[in-house]
Amino acid sequence: METPTIVELPIEQLFISKGNVRTLQIESEELIPSIIQEGKIIKPLDVYPAGDNFAAIDGQRRLLALQKILNDQPELKDKFSLVPCIVHYDIHNDEEALEFSFINSILGRDTPPLDKARAARLLIEKYGSQQQVCKRFGFKKSTLSELDSINDLNPQVLELMKFNGRTRPLSVSEAIQLTKLPKEKQLEVAMKVLEADVTVTEGRDRIKAERGVSTEDRVPLVHSPLRSQDAEHTDNGEDREYVMSVMIPWSLYGLLDQDSKGNRKRMNSLVLDGIKTQLQRDGFLEVTPQ
């Protein structure tokens, strides 16, 4: 199996694969100013050989933006005629490309929410059940289920997840919370959140409040112990461990969740570091020189 290779390919040889699932939202024009300013695209496209050409399975917006630049400003052809691409020689057809696109769409941080939801639904349909998808690709069932549930939102709410130039789009986390409301109430609550022009974390909390869920406190368990260099030894010199439950405000939990990218171990580490720092400041822990 050949490993993916990064090369520069003529833009005339590139087209969008039918296996690219990210077709619901194509806000390619918003990329144009930054591409022109940089004089190139920073992130290569993912492509696979298709006859004498190459099919793009990730990077659709970048390719469309480049094509529009050259169509509107042909004098820039020399500057943008070659496009950096990662060529996947192990992908041979649209079906294999579709599987690659599914995974990238669900895992990609910059994937539009509707495309994430659509990818989840199509994967479930393709493999027969959420359980089969999770088994094949290692997804958490709760994550896949929540993404899939977005597809069943009020159609007008789904429209609010797209860029419209008036308000920010609803986020994935807000949409997931909206799925837990009656369908007839989803649009009203979504509009309240967007018109209030609050952050995603605040928006999510407001939707939780509409559901009657308290947003005042959250209790994540911190299983990482404070060890002997930070605390104390037992009589026989072994480490003494402390397992703590820490109650923190929802607003702080949202920031930690964002900073840790949803990684529970990373979140626990951030909380533990904060506790240790405060204990050191108060003189309860000795700072060990590195």
C-alpha atoms as a PDB file:
ATOM      1  CA  MET A   1       0.000   0.000   0.000  1.00  0.00           C
ATOM      2  CA  GLU A   2       1.402   3.355  -1.038  1.00  0.00           C
ATOM      3  CA  THR A   3       1.501   6.017   1.630  1.00  0.00           C
ATOM      4  CA  PRO A   4      -0.189   9.392   0.967  1.00  0.00           C
ATOM      5  CA  THR A   5       2.113  11.827  -0.820  1.00  0.00           C
ATOM      6  CA  ILE A   6       2.034  15.634  -0.784  1.00  0.00           C
ATOM      7  CA  VAL A   7       2.418  17.097  -4.275  1.00  0.00           C
ATOM      8  CA  GLU A   8       1.388  20.212  -6.203  1.00  0.00           C
ATOM      9  CA  LEU A   9      -1.190  19.479  -8.890  1.00  0.00           C
ATOM     10  CA  PRO A  10      -2.558  21.704 -11.693  1.00  0.00           C
ATOM     11  CA  ILE A  11      -5.963  23.017 -10.693  1.00  0.00           C
ATOM     12  CA  GLU A  12      -7.339  21.893 -14.077  1.00  0.00           C
ATOM     13  CA  GLN A  13      -6.790  18.284 -12.989  1.00  0.00           C
ATOM     14  CA  LEU A  14      -8.881  18.598  -9.841  1.00  0.00           C
ATOM     15  CA  PHE A  15     -12.596  17.988  -9.387  1.00  0.00           C
ATOM     16  CA  ILE A  16     -14.861  17.247  -6.414  1.00  0.00           C
ATOM     17  CA  SER A  17     -15.435  13.557  -5.804  1.00  0.00           C
ATOM     18  CA  LYS A  18     -18.958  12.160  -5.616  1.00  0.00           C
ATOM     19  CA  GLY A  19     -17.689  10.550  -2.421  1.00  0.00           C
ATOM     20  CA  ASN A  20     -17.392  13.939  -0.719  1.00  0.00           C
ATOM     21  CA  VAL A  21     -20.240  14.160   1.797  1.00  0.00           C
ATOM     22  CA  ARG A  22     -19.641  17.807   2.658  1.00  0.00           C
ATOM     23  CA  THR A  23     -22.130  19.253   0.210  1.00  0.00           C
ATOM     24  CA  LEU A  24     -24.741  20.896   2.435  1.00  0.00           C
ATOM     25  CA  GLN A  25     -22.791  24.045   3.171  1.00  0.00           C
ATOM     26  CA  ILE A  26     -20.312  25.506   0.718  1.00  0.00           C
ATOM     27  CA  GLU A  27     -19.282  28.904   2.048  1.00  0.00           C
ATOM     28  CA  SER A  28     -16.241  28.977  -0.221  1.00  0.00           C
ATOM     29  CA  GLU A  29     -16.323  32.720  -0.848  1.00  0.00           C
ATOM     30  CA  GLU A  30     -15.450  33.531   2.753  1.00  0.00           C
ATOM     31  CA  LEU A  31     -12.068  31.851   2.189  1.00  0.00           C
ATOM     32  CA  ILE A  32     -11.123  34.012  -0.790  1.00  0.00           C
ATOM     33  CA  PRO A  33      -9.684  37.065   1.072  1.00  0.00           C
ATOM     34  CA  SER A  34      -7.370  34.958   3.244  1.00  0.00           C
ATOM     35  CA  ILE A  35      -6.207  32.844   0.281  1.00  0.00           C
ATOM     36  CA  ILE A  36      -5.375  35.951  -1.742  1.00  0.00           C
ATOM     37  CA  GLN A  37      -3.615  37.522   1.241  1.00  0.00           C
ATOM     38  CA  GLU A  38      -1.532  34.397   1.895  1.00  0.00           C
ATOM     39  CA  GLY A  39      -0.894  33.860  -1.800  1.00  0.00           C
ATOM     40  CA  LYS A  40      -1.676  30.154  -1.370  1.00  0.00           C
ATOM     41  CA  ILE A  41      -3.827  27.690   0.528  1.00  0.00           C
ATOM     42  CA  ILE A  42      -2.240  26.579   3.789  1.00  0.00           C
ATOM     43  CA  LYS A  43      -3.857  23.167   4.204  1.00  0.00           C
ATOM     44  CA  PRO A  44      -3.464  20.713   1.300  1.00  0.00           C
ATOM     45  CA  LEU A  45      -6.488  19.080  -0.312  1.00  0.00           C
ATOM     46  CA  ASP A  46      -7.029  15.343   0.131  1.00  0.00           C
ATOM     47  CA  VAL A  47      -7.381  13.723  -3.297  1.00  0.00           C
ATOM     48  CA  TYR A  48      -7.150  10.334  -4.984  1.00  0.00           C
ATOM     49  CA  PRO A  49      -6.208   9.391  -8.560  1.00  0.00           C
ATOM     50  CA  ALA A  50      -9.135   9.216 -10.987  1.00  0.00           C
ATOM     51  CA  GLY A  51      -7.859   8.438 -14.470  1.00  0.00           C
ATOM     52  CA  ASP A  52      -5.701  11.333 -15.634  1.00  0.00           C
ATOM     53  CA  ASN A  53      -7.173  13.627 -12.995  1.00  0.00           C
ATOM     54  CA  PHE A  54      -7.616  13.711  -9.226  1.00  0.00           C
ATOM     55  CA  ALA A  55     -10.824  13.709  -7.194  1.00  0.00           C
ATOM     56  CA  ALA A  56     -10.987  15.888  -4.066  1.00  0.00           C
ATOM     57  CA  ILE A  57     -12.455  14.141  -1.028  1.00  0.00           C
ATOM     58  CA  ASP A  58     -11.564  16.823   1.512  1.00  0.00           C
ATOM     59  CA  GLY A  59     -10.940  20.496   0.786  1.00  0.00           C
ATOM     60  CA  GLN A  60     -14.012  21.209  -1.294  1.00  0.00           C
ATOM     61  CA  ARG A  61     -14.335  24.807  -0.078  1.00  0.00           C
ATOM     62  CA  ARG A  62     -10.669  25.525  -0.761  1.00  0.00           C
ATOM     63  CA  LEU A  63     -10.899  24.142  -4.288  1.00  0.00           C
ATOM     64  CA  LEU A  64     -14.084  26.070  -5.070  1.00  0.00           C
ATOM     65  CA  ALA A  65     -12.540  29.259  -3.668  1.00  0.00           C
ATOM     66  CA  LEU A  66      -9.457  28.839  -5.858  1.00  0.00           C
ATOM     67  CA  GLN A  67     -11.606  28.190  -8.924  1.00  0.00           C
ATOM     68  CA  LYS A  68     -13.633  31.324  -8.243  1.00  0.00           C
ATOM     69  CA  ILE A  69     -10.473  33.412  -7.757  1.00  0.00           C
ATOM     70  CA  LEU A  70      -9.117  32.283 -11.136  1.00  0.00           C
ATOM     71  CA  ASN A  71     -12.481  32.797 -12.801  1.00  0.00           C
ATOM     72  CA  ASP A  72     -12.851  36.352 -11.451  1.00  0.00           C
ATOM     73  CA  GLN A  73      -9.178  37.312 -11.563  1.00  0.00           C
ATOM     74  CA  PRO A  74      -7.490  35.388 -14.401  1.00  0.00           C
ATOM     75  CA  GLU A  75      -4.367  37.519 -13.969  1.00  0.00           C
ATOM     76  CA  LEU A  76      -3.653  35.477 -10.803  1.00  0.00           C
ATOM     77  CA  LYS A  77      -3.425  32.195 -12.725  1.00  0.00           C
ATOM     78  CA  ASP A  78       0.352  31.880 -12.362  1.00  0.00           C
ATOM     79  CA  LYS A  79       0.028  32.355  -8.610  1.00  0.00           C
ATOM     80  CA  PHE A  80      -2.712  29.799  -7.980  1.00  0.00           C
ATOM     81  CA  SER A  81      -2.461  27.344 -10.872  1.00  0.00           C
ATOM     82  CA  LEU A  82      -0.740  24.693  -8.715  1.00  0.00           C
ATOM     83  CA  VAL A  83      -2.564  23.334  -5.666  1.00  0.00           C
ATOM     84  CA  PRO A  84      -0.911  21.441  -2.767  1.00  0.00           C
ATOM     85  CA  CYS A  85      -2.590  18.055  -2.386  1.00  0.00           C
ATOM     86  CA  ILE A  86      -2.238  14.887  -0.349  1.00  0.00           C
ATOM     87  CA  VAL A  87      -2.676  12.027  -2.817  1.00  0.00           C
ATOM     88  CA  HIS A  88      -4.261   8.908  -1.305  1.00  0.00           C
ATOM     89  CA  TYR A  89      -3.227   6.043  -3.563  1.00  0.00           C
ATOM     90  CA  ASP A  90      -5.076   3.533  -1.392  1.00  0.00           C
ATOM     91  CA  ILE A  91      -8.424   5.078  -2.401  1.00  0.00           C
ATOM     92  CA  HIS A  92      -9.658   3.866  -5.781  1.00  0.00           C
ATOM     93  CA  ASN A  93     -13.324   4.777  -6.184  1.00  0.00           C
ATOM     94  CA  ASP A  94     -16.202   6.912  -4.936  1.00  0.00           C
ATOM     95  CA  GLU A  95     -17.304   4.327  -2.362  1.00  0.00           C
ATOM     96  CA  GLU A  96     -13.900   4.238  -0.671  1.00  0.00           C
ATOM     97  CA  ALA A  97     -13.732   8.026  -0.937  1.00  0.00           C
ATOM     98  CA  LEU A  98     -17.140   8.267   0.708  1.00  0.00           C
ATOM     99  CA  GLU A  99     -15.925   6.283   3.718  1.00  0.00           C
ATOM    100  CA  PHE A 100     -12.870   8.540   4.050  1.00  0.00           C
ATOM    101  CA  SER A 101     -15.080  11.616   3.771  1.00  0.00           C
ATOM    102  CA  PHE A 102     -17.501  10.266   6.380  1.00  0.00           C
ATOM    103  CA  ILE A 103     -14.747   9.910   8.961  1.00  0.00           C
ATOM    104  CA  ASN A 104     -13.144  13.275   8.201  1.00  0.00           C
ATOM    105  CA  SER A 105     -16.516  15.018   8.342  1.00  0.00           C
ATOM    106  CA  ILE A 106     -17.439  13.628  11.756  1.00  0.00           C
ATOM    107  CA  LEU A 107     -13.997  14.157  13.281  1.00  0.00           C
ATOM    108  CA  GLY A 108     -13.095  17.443  11.570  1.00  0.00           C
ATOM    109  CA  ARG A 109     -13.171  20.482  13.869  1.00  0.00           C
ATOM    110  CA  ASP A 110     -14.032  22.839  11.004  1.00  0.00           C
ATOM    111  CA  THR A 111     -16.779  20.655   9.527  1.00  0.00           C
ATOM    112  CA  PRO A 112     -20.133  22.505   9.369  1.00  0.00           C
ATOM    113  CA  PRO A 113     -22.614  21.030  11.879  1.00  0.00           C
ATOM    114  CA  LEU A 114     -25.098  19.900   9.250  1.00  0.00           C
ATOM    115  CA  ASP A 115     -22.407  18.018   7.394  1.00  0.00           C
ATOM    116  CA  LYS A 116     -21.416  16.244  10.609  1.00  0.00           C
ATOM    117  CA  ALA A 117     -25.044  15.241  11.170  1.00  0.00           C
ATOM    118  CA  ARG A 118     -25.505  14.144   7.568  1.00  0.00           C
ATOM    119  CA  ALA A 119     -22.312  12.070   7.676  1.00  0.00           C
ATOM    120  CA  ALA A 120     -23.502  10.328  10.842  1.00  0.00           C
ATOM    121  CA  ARG A 121     -26.895   9.494   9.299  1.00  0.00           C
ATOM    122  CA  LEU A 122     -25.358   8.207   6.061  1.00  0.00           C
ATOM    123  CA  LEU A 123     -22.857   6.053   7.937  1.00  0.00           C
ATOM    124  CA  ILE A 124     -25.663   4.480   9.984  1.00  0.00           C
ATOM    125  CA  GLU A 125     -27.674   3.829   6.831  1.00  0.00           C
ATOM    126  CA  LYS A 126     -24.645   2.365   5.068  1.00  0.00           C
ATOM    127  CA  TYR A 127     -23.668  -0.065   7.841  1.00  0.00           C
ATOM    128  CA  GLY A 128     -27.123  -0.822   9.211  1.00  0.00           C
ATOM    129  CA  SER A 129     -26.944   0.435  12.782  1.00  0.00           C
ATOM    130  CA  GLN A 130     -25.165   2.771  15.173  1.00  0.00           C
ATOM    131  CA  GLN A 131     -23.599  -0.253  16.851  1.00  0.00           C
ATOM    132  CA  GLN A 132     -22.028  -1.456  13.588  1.00  0.00           C
ATOM    133  CA  VAL A 133     -20.636   2.015  12.808  1.00  0.00           C
ATOM    134  CA  CYS A 134     -19.120   2.355  16.288  1.00  0.00           C
ATOM    135  CA  LYS A 135     -17.623  -1.117  16.080  1.00  0.00           C
ATOM    136  CA  ARG A 136     -16.093  -0.444  12.645  1.00  0.00           C
ATOM    137  CA  PHE A 137     -14.693   3.039  13.291  1.00  0.00           C
ATOM    138  CA  GLY A 138     -14.324   3.243  17.062  1.00  0.00           C
ATOM    139  CA  PHE A 139     -16.798   6.102  17.591  1.00  0.00           C
ATOM    140  CA  LYS A 140     -18.486   6.570  20.958  1.00  0.00           C
ATOM    141  CA  LYS A 141     -22.112   5.526  20.556  1.00  0.00           C
ATOM    142  CA  SER A 142     -23.332   8.603  22.433  1.00  0.00           C
ATOM    143  CA  THR A 143     -21.439  10.913  20.046  1.00  0.00           C
ATOM    144  CA  LEU A 144     -22.800   9.204  16.941  1.00  0.00           C
ATOM    145  CA  SER A 145     -26.329   9.101  18.355  1.00  0.00           C
ATOM    146  CA  GLU A 146     -26.302  12.802  19.251  1.00  0.00           C
ATOM    147  CA  LEU A 147     -25.004  13.816  15.826  1.00  0.00           C
ATOM    148  CA  ASP A 148     -27.607  11.651  14.111  1.00  0.00           C
ATOM    149  CA  SER A 149     -30.414  13.163  16.218  1.00  0.00           C
ATOM    150  CA  ILE A 150     -29.664  16.606  14.737  1.00  0.00           C
ATOM    151  CA  ASN A 151     -31.144  15.409  11.431  1.00  0.00           C
ATOM    152  CA  ASP A 152     -34.570  15.170  13.089  1.00  0.00           C
ATOM    153  CA  LEU A 153     -34.698  18.776  14.295  1.00  0.00           C
ATOM    154  CA  ASN A 154     -37.399  21.170  13.130  1.00  0.00           C
ATOM    155  CA  PRO A 155     -36.460  21.943   9.469  1.00  0.00           C
ATOM    156  CA  GLN A 156     -36.464  25.675  10.235  1.00  0.00           C
ATOM    157  CA  VAL A 157     -33.970  25.074  13.041  1.00  0.00           C
ATOM    158  CA  LEU A 158     -31.742  23.177  10.617  1.00  0.00           C
ATOM    159  CA  GLU A 159     -31.677  26.302   8.447  1.00  0.00           C
ATOM    160  CA  LEU A 160     -30.366  28.258  11.440  1.00  0.00           C
ATOM    161  CA  MET A 161     -27.303  26.012  11.466  1.00  0.00           C
ATOM    162  CA  LYS A 162     -26.198  27.517   8.150  1.00  0.00           C
ATOM    163  CA  PHE A 163     -24.386  30.817   7.684  1.00  0.00           C
ATOM    164  CA  ASN A 164     -26.968  33.477   6.821  1.00  0.00           C
ATOM    165  CA  GLY A 165     -25.067  36.738   7.303  1.00  0.00           C
ATOM    166  CA  ARG A 166     -27.468  37.937  10.022  1.00  0.00           C
ATOM    167  CA  THR A 167     -26.696  35.799  13.067  1.00  0.00           C
ATOM    168  CA  ARG A 168     -24.057  33.222  13.868  1.00  0.00           C
ATOM    169  CA  PRO A 169     -25.097  29.659  13.040  1.00  0.00           C
ATOM    170  CA  LEU A 170     -26.224  27.293  15.754  1.00  0.00           C
ATOM    171  CA  SER A 171     -23.409  25.066  16.968  1.00  0.00           C
ATOM    172  CA  VAL A 172     -23.399  21.281  17.227  1.00  0.00           C
ATOM    173  CA  SER A 173     -23.650  21.394  21.035  1.00  0.00           C
ATOM    174  CA  GLU A 174     -26.612  23.812  20.908  1.00  0.00           C
ATOM    175  CA  ALA A 175     -28.339  21.700  18.269  1.00  0.00           C
ATOM    176  CA  ILE A 176     -27.914  18.573  20.374  1.00  0.00           C
ATOM    177  CA  GLN A 177     -29.572  20.302  23.325  1.00  0.00           C
ATOM    178  CA  LEU A 178     -32.419  21.479  21.078  1.00  0.00           C
ATOM    179  CA  THR A 179     -33.143  17.873  20.037  1.00  0.00           C
ATOM    180  CA  LYS A 180     -34.189  17.231  23.634  1.00  0.00           C
ATOM    181  CA  LEU A 181     -36.978  19.814  23.396  1.00  0.00           C
ATOM    182  CA  PRO A 182     -40.402  19.203  21.824  1.00  0.00           C
ATOM    183  CA  LYS A 183     -40.176  19.898  18.076  1.00  0.00           C
ATOM    184  CA  GLU A 184     -42.788  22.659  18.300  1.00  0.00           C
ATOM    185  CA  LYS A 185     -40.635  24.552  20.824  1.00  0.00           C
ATOM    186  CA  GLN A 186     -37.247  24.135  19.125  1.00  0.00           C
ATOM    187  CA  LEU A 187     -37.494  27.091  16.737  1.00  0.00           C
ATOM    188  CA  GLU A 188     -38.658  29.527  19.417  1.00  0.00           C
ATOM    189  CA  VAL A 189     -35.798  28.646  21.759  1.00  0.00           C
ATOM    190  CA  ALA A 190     -33.210  28.641  18.970  1.00  0.00           C
ATOM    191  CA  MET A 191     -34.260  32.128  17.851  1.00  0.00           C
ATOM    192  CA  LYS A 192     -34.049  33.432  21.421  1.00  0.00           C
ATOM    193  CA  VAL A 193     -30.475  32.179  21.709  1.00  0.00           C
ATOM    194  CA  LEU A 194     -29.306  33.592  18.381  1.00  0.00           C
ATOM    195  CA  GLU A 195     -31.031  36.953  18.820  1.00  0.00           C
ATOM    196  CA  ALA A 196     -29.434  37.321  22.258  1.00  0.00           C
ATOM    197  CA  ASP A 197     -26.042  37.121  20.507  1.00  0.00           C
ATOM    198  CA  VAL A 198     -24.505  35.046  23.303  1.00  0.00           C
ATOM    199  CA  THR A 199     -21.543  32.686  23.171  1.00  0.00           C
ATOM    200  CA  VAL A 200     -22.002  29.034  22.260  1.00  0.00           C
ATOM    201  CA  THR A 201     -21.493  28.023  25.892  1.00  0.00           C
ATOM    202  CA  GLU A 202     -24.097  30.523  27.098  1.00  0.00           C
ATOM    203  CA  GLY A 203     -26.437  29.468  24.325  1.00  0.00           C
ATOM    204  CA  ARG A 204     -26.141  25.838  25.312  1.00  0.00           C
ATOM    205  CA  ASP A 205     -26.831  26.732  28.949  1.00  0.00           C
ATOM    206  CA  ARG A 206     -29.918  28.751  28.001  1.00  0.00           C
ATOM    207  CA  ILE A 207     -31.308  25.796  26.070  1.00  0.00           C
ATOM    208  CA  LYS A 208     -30.613  23.525  29.055  1.00  0.00           C
ATOM    209  CA  ALA A 209     -32.496  26.005  31.254  1.00  0.00           C
ATOM    210  CA  GLU A 210     -35.482  25.806  28.897  1.00  0.00           C
ATOM    211  CA  ARG A 211     -35.405  22.059  29.482  1.00  0.00           C
ATOM    212  CA  GLY A 212     -35.404  22.632  33.241  1.00  0.00           C
ATOM    213  CA  VAL A 213     -31.819  21.450  33.626  1.00  0.00           C
ATOM    214  CA  SER A 214     -29.788  23.383  36.192  1.00  0.00           C
ATOM    215  CA  THR A 215     -26.783  25.168  34.716  1.00  0.00           C
ATOM    216  CA  GLU A 216     -25.414  26.379  38.028  1.00  0.00           C
ATOM    217  CA  ASP A 217     -23.177  23.488  38.927  1.00  0.00           C
ATOM    218  CA  ARG A 218     -21.497  20.509  37.369  1.00  0.00           C
ATOM    219  CA  VAL A 219     -19.570  17.813  39.201  1.00  0.00           C
ATOM    220  CA  PRO A 220     -16.793  16.208  37.149  1.00  0.00           C
ATOM    221  CA  LEU A 221     -14.809  13.609  39.103  1.00  0.00           C
ATOM    222  CA  VAL A 222     -11.078  14.196  39.238  1.00  0.00           C
ATOM    223  CA  HIS A 223      -9.481  10.804  39.592  1.00  0.00           C
ATOM    224  CA  SER A 224      -5.857  11.977  39.314  1.00  0.00           C
ATOM    225  CA  PRO A 225      -4.232  11.829  42.754  1.00  0.00           C
ATOM    226  CA  LEU A 226      -1.988  14.375  44.418  1.00  0.00           C
ATOM    227  CA  ARG A 227       1.175  12.388  44.999  1.00  0.00           C
ATOM    228  CA  SER A 228       3.909  12.496  47.623  1.00  0.00           C
ATOM    229  CA  GLN A 229       6.070  15.211  46.073  1.00  0.00           C
ATOM    230  CA  ASP A 230       3.077  17.521  46.291  1.00  0.00           C
ATOM    231  CA  ALA A 231       1.460  16.326  49.515  1.00  0.00           C
ATOM    232  CA  GLU A 232       2.809  13.908  52.110  1.00  0.00           C
ATOM    233  CA  HIS A 233       4.217  10.421  52.671  1.00  0.00           C
ATOM    234  CA  THR A 234       2.665   7.675  54.710  1.00  0.00           C
ATOM    235  CA  ASP A 235       4.699   6.322  57.626  1.00  0.00           C
ATOM    236  CA  ASN A 236       6.356   3.707  55.423  1.00  0.00           C
ATOM    237  CA  GLY A 237       7.335   6.257  52.764  1.00  0.00           C
ATOM    238  CA  GLU A 238       4.716   5.275  50.190  1.00  0.00           C
ATOM    239  CA  ASP A 239       2.669   7.801  48.274  1.00  0.00           C
ATOM    240  CA  ARG A 240      -0.541   8.968  49.871  1.00  0.00           C
ATOM    241  CA  GLU A 241      -3.268   9.465  47.254  1.00  0.00           C
ATOM    242  CA  TYR A 242      -6.370  11.638  47.361  1.00  0.00           C
ATOM    243  CA  VAL A 243      -9.354  11.120  45.075  1.00  0.00           C
ATOM    244  CA  MET A 244     -11.406  14.289  44.836  1.00  0.00           C
ATOM    245  CA  SER A 245     -14.806  15.355  43.603  1.00  0.00           C
ATOM    246  CA  VAL A 246     -14.731  18.978  42.463  1.00  0.00           C
ATOM    247  CA  MET A 247     -17.836  21.108  41.933  1.00  0.00           C
ATOM    248  CA  ILE A 248     -17.348  23.937  39.426  1.00  0.00           C
ATOM    249  CA  PRO A 249     -19.695  26.466  37.748  1.00  0.00           C
ATOM    250  CA  TRP A 250     -21.137  25.590  34.344  1.00  0.00           C
ATOM    251  CA  SER A 251     -19.459  28.643  32.832  1.00  0.00           C
ATOM    252  CA  LEU A 252     -16.030  27.367  33.918  1.00  0.00           C
ATOM    253  CA  TYR A 253     -16.887  23.833  32.846  1.00  0.00           C
ATOM    254  CA  GLY A 254     -17.656  25.159  29.347  1.00  0.00           C
ATOM    255  CA  LEU A 255     -14.272  26.862  29.134  1.00  0.00           C
ATOM    256  CA  LEU A 256     -12.478  23.724  30.345  1.00  0.00           C
ATOM    257  CA  ASP A 257     -14.430  21.600  27.876  1.00  0.00           C
ATOM    258  CA  GLN A 258     -13.440  23.924  25.068  1.00  0.00           C
ATOM    259  CA  ASP A 259      -9.779  24.106  26.085  1.00  0.00           C
ATOM    260  CA  SER A 260      -9.497  20.335  26.496  1.00  0.00           C
ATOM    261  CA  LYS A 261     -11.386  19.685  23.226  1.00  0.00           C
ATOM    262  CA  GLY A 262     -13.730  17.363  25.107  1.00  0.00           C
ATOM    263  CA  ASN A 263     -10.906  15.138  26.378  1.00  0.00           C
ATOM    264  CA  ARG A 264     -11.940  14.105  29.911  1.00  0.00           C
ATOM    265  CA  LYS A 265      -8.386  13.238  31.021  1.00  0.00           C
ATOM    266  CA  ARG A 266      -7.132  16.605  29.785  1.00  0.00           C
ATOM    267  CA  MET A 267      -9.990  18.356  31.613  1.00  0.00           C
ATOM    268  CA  ASN A 268      -9.185  16.533  34.832  1.00  0.00           C
ATOM    269  CA  SER A 269      -5.540  17.506  34.440  1.00  0.00           C
ATOM    270  CA  LEU A 270      -6.449  21.181  34.036  1.00  0.00           C
ATOM    271  CA  VAL A 271      -8.613  21.094  37.181  1.00  0.00           C
ATOM    272  CA  LEU A 272      -5.905  19.293  39.160  1.00  0.00           C
ATOM    273  CA  ASP A 273      -3.235  21.768  38.026  1.00  0.00           C
ATOM    274  CA  GLY A 274      -5.435  24.648  39.177  1.00  0.00           C
ATOM    275  CA  ILE A 275      -5.924  23.067  42.610  1.00  0.00           C
ATOM    276  CA  LYS A 276      -2.222  22.355  43.013  1.00  0.00           C
ATOM    277  CA  THR A 277      -1.310  25.909  41.993  1.00  0.00           C
ATOM    278  CA  GLN A 278      -3.682  27.378  44.578  1.00  0.00           C
ATOM    279  CA  LEU A 279      -2.422  25.054  47.327  1.00  0.00           C
ATOM    280  CA  GLN A 280       1.147  26.050  46.503  1.00  0.00           C
ATOM    281  CA  ARG A 281       0.242  29.748  46.661  1.00  0.00           C
ATOM    282  CA  ASP A 282      -1.371  29.208  50.066  1.00  0.00           C
ATOM    283  CA  GLY A 283       1.728  27.417  51.369  1.00  0.00           C
ATOM    284  CA  PHE A 284       0.150  23.975  51.761  1.00  0.00           C
ATOM    285  CA  LEU A 285       2.298  22.390  49.044  1.00  0.00           C
ATOM    286  CA  GLU A 286       6.017  22.698  48.550  1.00  0.00           C
ATOM    287  CA  VAL A 287       7.067  23.643  45.039  1.00  0.00           C
ATOM    288  CA  THR A 288       9.482  20.960  43.851  1.00  0.00           C
ATOM    289  CA  PRO A 289      12.339  22.375  41.708  1.00  0.00           C
ATOM    290  CA  GLN A 290      12.426  20.924  38.187  1.00  0.00           C
END
